[in-house]
Structures are given as structure tokens and as C-alpha cells.
Protein backbone atom coordinates (compact mmCIF):
# COMPACT_ATOMS: atom_id res chain seq x y z
CA UNK A 1 109.83 122.11 114.71
CA UNK A 2 112.11 125.08 114.00
CA UNK A 3 114.85 125.26 111.44
CA UNK A 4 118.35 124.37 112.67
CA UNK A 5 119.10 127.23 115.07
CA UNK A 6 122.86 126.69 115.00
CA UNK A 7 123.01 127.34 111.27
CA UNK A 8 120.53 130.23 111.37
CA UNK A 9 122.68 131.94 113.99
CA UNK A 10 125.72 131.48 111.79
CA UNK A 11 127.75 129.70 114.47
CA UNK A 12 128.64 126.10 113.51
CA UNK A 13 129.77 124.14 116.55
CA UNK A 14 133.33 122.85 116.10
CA UNK A 15 132.58 119.91 118.42
CA UNK A 16 129.89 118.57 116.11
CA UNK A 17 129.59 117.72 112.44
CA UNK A 18 130.38 120.03 109.59
CA UNK A 19 127.29 121.55 108.00
CA UNK A 20 126.25 121.02 104.39
CA UNK A 21 125.03 123.50 101.81
CA UNK A 22 123.64 121.45 98.93
CA UNK A 23 121.11 121.46 96.14
CA UNK A 24 120.83 122.04 92.41
CA UNK A 25 122.71 124.83 90.68
CA UNK A 26 119.50 126.54 89.63
CA UNK A 27 115.77 126.04 90.13
CA UNK A 28 114.72 124.07 87.04
CA UNK A 29 111.24 122.99 88.09
CA UNK A 30 109.22 122.12 91.21
CA UNK A 31 109.62 118.35 90.94
CA UNK A 32 113.39 118.44 90.74
CA UNK A 33 113.78 120.91 93.60
CA UNK A 34 111.66 118.89 96.01
CA UNK A 35 113.20 115.56 94.98
CA UNK A 36 116.70 116.82 95.79
CA UNK A 37 115.68 118.56 99.01
CA UNK A 38 113.87 115.50 100.33
CA UNK A 39 116.73 113.14 99.54
CA UNK A 40 119.48 115.35 100.98
CA UNK A 41 117.43 116.24 104.04
CA UNK A 42 116.84 112.56 104.80
CA UNK A 43 120.54 111.74 104.46
CA UNK A 44 121.61 114.65 106.65
CA UNK A 45 119.15 113.75 109.41
CA UNK A 46 120.48 110.19 109.36
CA UNK A 47 124.08 111.40 109.68
CA UNK A 48 123.38 114.34 112.04
CA UNK A 49 124.65 116.89 109.54
CA UNK A 50 123.05 120.36 109.70
CA UNK A 51 121.66 121.04 106.24
CA UNK A 52 121.09 124.23 104.21
CA UNK A 53 119.21 123.87 100.92
CA UNK A 54 120.77 125.83 98.06
CA UNK A 55 119.45 126.74 94.64
CA UNK A 56 119.95 129.82 92.48
CA UNK A 57 116.68 131.50 91.58
CA UNK A 58 118.39 132.99 88.53
CA UNK A 59 121.76 132.45 86.87
CA UNK A 60 123.23 135.81 85.92
CA UNK A 61 126.81 134.70 85.21
CA UNK A 62 126.42 132.45 82.18
CA UNK A 63 129.09 132.13 79.51
CA UNK A 64 126.66 132.01 76.59
CA UNK A 65 123.63 134.22 75.99
CA UNK A 66 121.78 131.05 75.00
CA UNK A 67 122.25 129.37 78.40
CA UNK A 68 119.30 128.67 80.72
CA UNK A 69 118.93 131.40 83.36
CA UNK A 70 115.79 130.42 85.29
CA UNK A 71 112.02 130.00 85.43
CA UNK A 72 111.34 133.54 86.66
CA UNK A 73 112.54 135.23 89.84
CA UNK A 74 109.38 135.14 91.93
CA UNK A 75 108.41 131.62 90.90
CA UNK A 76 111.86 130.27 91.74
CA UNK A 77 112.15 132.12 95.05
CA UNK A 78 108.73 130.85 96.13
CA UNK A 79 109.80 127.27 95.44
CA UNK A 80 112.95 127.72 97.53
CA UNK A 81 110.85 129.18 100.33
CA UNK A 82 108.43 126.25 100.14
CA UNK A 83 111.32 123.80 100.43
CA UNK A 84 112.47 125.51 103.62
CA UNK A 85 109.01 125.38 105.13
CA UNK A 86 108.21 121.80 104.13
CA UNK A 87 111.49 120.26 105.28
CA UNK A 88 112.12 122.77 108.12
CA UNK A 89 115.59 123.62 106.88
CA UNK A 90 117.36 126.91 106.21
CA UNK A 91 117.71 127.98 102.59
CA UNK A 92 120.11 130.06 100.54
CA UNK A 93 120.40 131.60 97.10
CA UNK A 94 122.85 133.93 95.41
CA UNK A 95 122.23 137.58 94.56
CA UNK A 96 123.92 139.65 91.90
CA UNK A 97 122.96 143.30 92.46
CA UNK A 98 122.24 145.51 95.45
CA UNK A 99 118.60 145.75 94.34
CA UNK A 100 118.17 141.98 94.63
CA UNK A 101 119.23 141.75 98.29
CA UNK A 102 116.00 142.85 99.97
CA UNK A 103 113.88 140.91 97.47
CA UNK A 104 115.69 137.61 97.98
CA UNK A 105 115.87 138.11 101.75
CA UNK A 106 112.07 137.85 101.92
CA UNK A 107 112.32 134.21 100.82
CA UNK A 108 115.61 132.77 102.13
CA UNK A 109 117.63 132.64 105.36
CA UNK A 110 121.12 133.10 103.92
CA UNK A 111 122.29 135.34 101.05
CA UNK A 112 125.20 134.13 98.95
CA UNK A 113 127.58 136.55 97.23
CA UNK A 114 129.08 135.09 94.02
CA UNK A 115 132.86 134.90 93.83
CA UNK A 116 133.09 137.30 90.90
CA UNK A 117 131.21 139.93 92.95
CA UNK A 118 132.88 139.57 96.36
CA UNK A 119 134.53 143.03 96.12
CA UNK A 120 131.34 144.90 95.13
CA UNK A 121 130.81 147.27 98.05
CA UNK A 122 127.23 148.27 97.21
CA UNK A 123 126.22 144.62 96.94
CA UNK A 124 127.86 143.68 100.25
CA UNK A 125 126.30 146.62 102.09
CA UNK A 126 122.83 145.91 100.69
CA UNK A 127 123.16 142.28 101.74
CA UNK A 128 124.36 143.29 105.20
CA UNK A 129 121.32 145.57 105.63
CA UNK A 130 118.97 142.57 105.39
CA UNK A 131 120.39 141.20 108.68
CA UNK A 132 120.58 137.76 107.09
CA UNK A 133 123.64 135.51 107.20
CA UNK A 134 125.88 136.55 104.31
CA UNK A 135 127.98 133.82 102.70
CA UNK A 136 130.70 135.45 100.59
CA UNK A 137 132.49 133.27 98.07
CA UNK A 138 136.19 134.06 97.73
CA UNK A 139 137.02 135.43 94.31
CA UNK A 140 139.06 133.18 92.03
CA UNK A 141 141.51 136.07 91.87
CA UNK A 142 141.92 136.62 95.64
CA UNK A 143 143.80 135.05 98.55
CA UNK A 144 142.34 133.98 101.88
CA UNK A 145 143.95 136.89 103.80
CA UNK A 146 142.44 139.42 101.36
CA UNK A 147 138.93 138.24 102.27
CA UNK A 148 139.32 140.29 105.45
CA UNK A 149 137.99 143.26 103.52
CA UNK A 150 134.59 141.86 102.48
CA UNK A 151 134.16 140.63 106.07
CA UNK A 152 135.00 144.08 107.42
CA UNK A 153 132.56 145.79 105.04
CA UNK A 154 129.67 143.61 106.21
CA UNK A 155 130.54 143.83 109.90
CA UNK A 156 131.05 147.58 109.78
CA UNK A 157 127.57 147.83 108.27
CA UNK A 158 126.24 146.28 111.49
CA UNK A 159 125.88 142.64 110.47
CA UNK A 160 128.21 140.17 112.22
CA UNK A 161 126.75 137.08 110.51
CA UNK A 162 129.35 136.37 107.85
CA UNK A 163 130.57 133.13 106.28
CA UNK A 164 133.35 132.74 103.74
CA UNK A 165 133.54 130.08 101.03
CA UNK A 166 136.68 128.82 99.31
CA UNK A 167 136.13 127.86 95.66
CA UNK A 168 139.59 127.71 94.14
CA UNK A 169 141.82 130.14 92.28
CA UNK A 170 142.23 130.70 88.56
CA UNK A 171 145.03 128.62 87.11
CA UNK A 172 145.73 129.51 83.52
CA UNK A 173 142.76 130.32 81.36
CA UNK A 174 140.57 127.24 81.77
CA UNK A 175 141.24 125.64 85.13
CA UNK A 176 141.14 126.21 88.90
CA UNK A 177 143.35 125.01 91.73
CA UNK A 178 142.54 124.80 95.45
CA UNK A 179 145.03 126.16 97.95
CA UNK A 180 143.97 124.69 101.31
CA UNK A 181 145.96 127.31 103.19
CA UNK A 182 143.03 129.59 102.42
CA UNK A 183 140.79 127.63 104.79
CA UNK A 184 143.15 128.31 107.69
CA UNK A 185 143.71 131.91 106.65
CA UNK A 186 140.01 132.69 106.30
CA UNK A 187 139.21 131.10 109.68
CA UNK A 188 141.59 133.69 111.15
CA UNK A 189 138.98 136.32 110.21
CA UNK A 190 136.78 134.84 112.96
CA UNK A 191 134.05 133.51 110.68
CA UNK A 192 132.85 130.04 109.61
CA UNK A 193 134.58 128.78 106.47
CA UNK A 194 132.97 126.61 103.80
CA UNK A 195 134.61 124.58 101.04
CA UNK A 196 132.84 124.64 97.69
CA UNK A 197 133.61 121.12 96.48
CA UNK A 198 131.95 121.42 93.09
CA UNK A 199 132.67 124.89 91.68
CA UNK A 200 136.33 124.49 92.67
CA UNK A 201 136.48 121.73 90.04
CA UNK A 202 135.13 123.84 87.21
CA UNK A 203 136.99 124.31 83.95
CA UNK A 204 135.59 127.69 82.92
CA UNK A 205 135.79 129.66 79.68
CA UNK A 206 135.56 126.69 77.34
CA UNK A 207 135.32 127.60 73.66
CA UNK A 208 132.03 125.68 73.49
CA UNK A 209 130.43 128.29 75.77
CA UNK A 210 129.69 125.61 78.39
CA UNK A 211 131.79 125.30 81.54
CA UNK A 212 133.56 121.97 82.00
CA UNK A 213 134.57 120.21 85.19
CA UNK A 214 136.11 117.26 87.03
CA UNK A 215 133.36 115.83 89.28
CA UNK A 216 135.36 112.63 89.84
CA UNK A 217 137.53 114.70 92.20
CA UNK A 218 134.70 115.96 94.44
CA UNK A 219 135.51 113.35 97.08
CA UNK A 220 139.18 114.35 97.08
CA UNK A 221 138.35 118.03 97.54
CA UNK A 222 135.82 117.30 100.29
CA UNK A 223 138.10 114.97 102.26
CA UNK A 224 140.95 117.47 102.21
CA UNK A 225 138.63 120.29 103.28
CA UNK A 226 137.35 118.41 106.33
CA UNK A 227 140.88 117.36 107.24
CA UNK A 228 142.06 120.98 107.11
CA UNK A 229 139.28 122.31 109.32
CA UNK A 230 136.46 123.52 107.08
CA UNK A 231 133.29 124.23 109.06
CA UNK A 232 131.00 123.43 106.17
CA UNK A 233 130.85 121.97 102.69
CA UNK A 234 129.08 123.26 99.60
CA UNK A 235 128.09 120.56 97.08
CA UNK A 236 125.82 121.04 94.11
CA UNK A 237 123.97 117.82 93.30
CA UNK A 238 121.45 116.60 90.75
CA UNK A 239 119.72 113.27 89.98
CA UNK A 240 121.20 113.36 86.48
CA UNK A 241 123.97 115.97 86.05
CA UNK A 242 124.12 115.28 82.30
CA UNK A 243 120.61 116.73 82.05
CA UNK A 244 121.16 119.64 84.46
CA UNK A 245 120.51 123.05 82.92
CA UNK A 246 123.50 124.67 84.64
CA UNK A 247 126.91 123.44 85.86
CA UNK A 248 126.14 119.80 85.13
CA UNK A 249 129.79 119.16 84.28
CA UNK A 250 130.93 119.60 87.89
CA UNK A 251 127.90 118.49 89.93
CA UNK A 252 127.71 115.36 92.10
CA UNK A 253 125.22 112.71 91.07
CA UNK A 254 122.61 112.60 93.83
CA UNK A 255 122.93 108.87 94.46
CA UNK A 256 126.63 109.34 95.29
CA UNK A 257 126.02 111.88 98.06
CA UNK A 258 125.22 109.53 100.97
CA UNK A 259 128.32 107.28 100.68
CA UNK A 260 130.49 110.39 100.36
CA UNK A 261 129.00 112.02 103.46
CA UNK A 262 129.42 108.79 105.44
CA UNK A 263 133.16 108.91 104.75
CA UNK A 264 133.38 112.59 105.58
CA UNK A 265 131.63 112.17 108.94
CA UNK A 266 134.28 109.60 109.88
CA UNK A 267 137.07 111.98 108.86
CA UNK A 268 135.49 114.78 110.87
CA UNK A 269 135.32 112.54 113.94
CA UNK A 270 138.98 111.59 113.53
CA UNK A 271 140.07 115.21 113.11
């Protein structure tokens, strides 16, 4: 059985379900990674939702120097690769420098560009050169129309497989707000558009050194995204977010994922 060819080709079908990018924020250990992948994969098969497993192999953008960053690059990437093989699903992880692109591409199907780095030309060109799907998160400081330029950089480098992800805009110093016009505007660039339902609810730059969040609003963000035409959803999830080693404050508790997706499938059908 091959991985979902529609997702691998980067062309979600508008006549079918949205696709889902989901998993833990970062690879914490083997048990946790496989528990989440198995649960989400089972749910998505039941609901006919194409599924991409996501986990960061390393967290480079942490507020505090004391924050958990990972278990080691190679060890984490191998676990992500094993998840893809065992559950026959595509996988993705984020990269932070041009030098990381080729390394990560050996293990995953889709490379994710963090929002803070979406204007970094060298990073985008290195990612494009891997011929993988490149999912670029919109910077918190940019508009949907301005994401034309990262798309153009990747396509002009010879890679037409580009996705864009909306994840909110900075609002004051410690909050984000989602402008759903960005979904429509980014779809005008001719690429699939994803809504990041968890990071868009972050409350960054807290004086404690730990990012806060509003996970109780994940359902609201997701419903609005499907209603406004998002091709895919990005949801970080964990069996116990309070114990997560990264972004626990805005992650969805794993047991809440299935009832949420059931509602979203109905909204998608209505739209």
C-alpha cells in the first residue's frame, strides 16, 4: 500500500475532504510518537481524511535557553521516517537553515518552513532544490497577498509543489489574531492553503519564557477555516498537553480530536 498519492503530489482534491497535518510539536520519545500517529491515522481512515504526520525533529525557535529542543536530529528524524513507513502516511517536519534541507528531505515527504523564516531566500531555495513539497507558514508579520513572493521563489527554482499555511498575525506584544481573508488571498496564488489551528492561538513572548495559548478556541478556528475554503488543517495534538515538552499551552488533547474532525467533515460537506 502506497502513501496517499494525492497529498504526496501536493494537489488536494476540492471535491473531497480537507487533509490533516497533525502530530506532536516535537519528537519527545518513540512511545509518544507512535501512540499519536496510530490514533490519528485510525481516526482519519475512519473519516476518509488524508493524513500527514507532523513532528519537529528539533525546536530551534524557543523563547528560553532552558527549553527542550529535541532528542537528537538523526534519532528524531529516523522515528518520523519509521512512522511514515509503518502507517503508510506522508510525513513532515520543519527546517531552520539551508543546510538542514537536504538532510531532512532524506527522511520526510514534506518540508515545512517556519513562519519566522518565510522570507529567508537561501532557506526557500535549498528547500526547493530537494523537490519535496514545501509548506511555507505565513509570517505573523505578513499578509496573504505578500506570500506571493515565497511562492515565486520556490517555483522559479523549479519546484511547483508549494503549500501555504495561515497561522495568525501579531496583535500587540503577546497575542495573535486570525484574518480569514488570508485564506482566500493565498488561494489566489494557485496553491493549497492550510489553516494552523493551534499555533494561531498562541500567546507568545510571555515573561515566564513559556508561550501561552487558548486551546479552547481550536474548534472555532477550525470550523471557520473549513467554512472559508481551507484545503487542509494543521493541528498539534498530544495525549496530555500539560506534560508536552513544547507548545503544550495551545495543543489539542488527543482524545478531543475525533469528535472535532467529525464536526468538520460535516461542515466540509455542507460547504
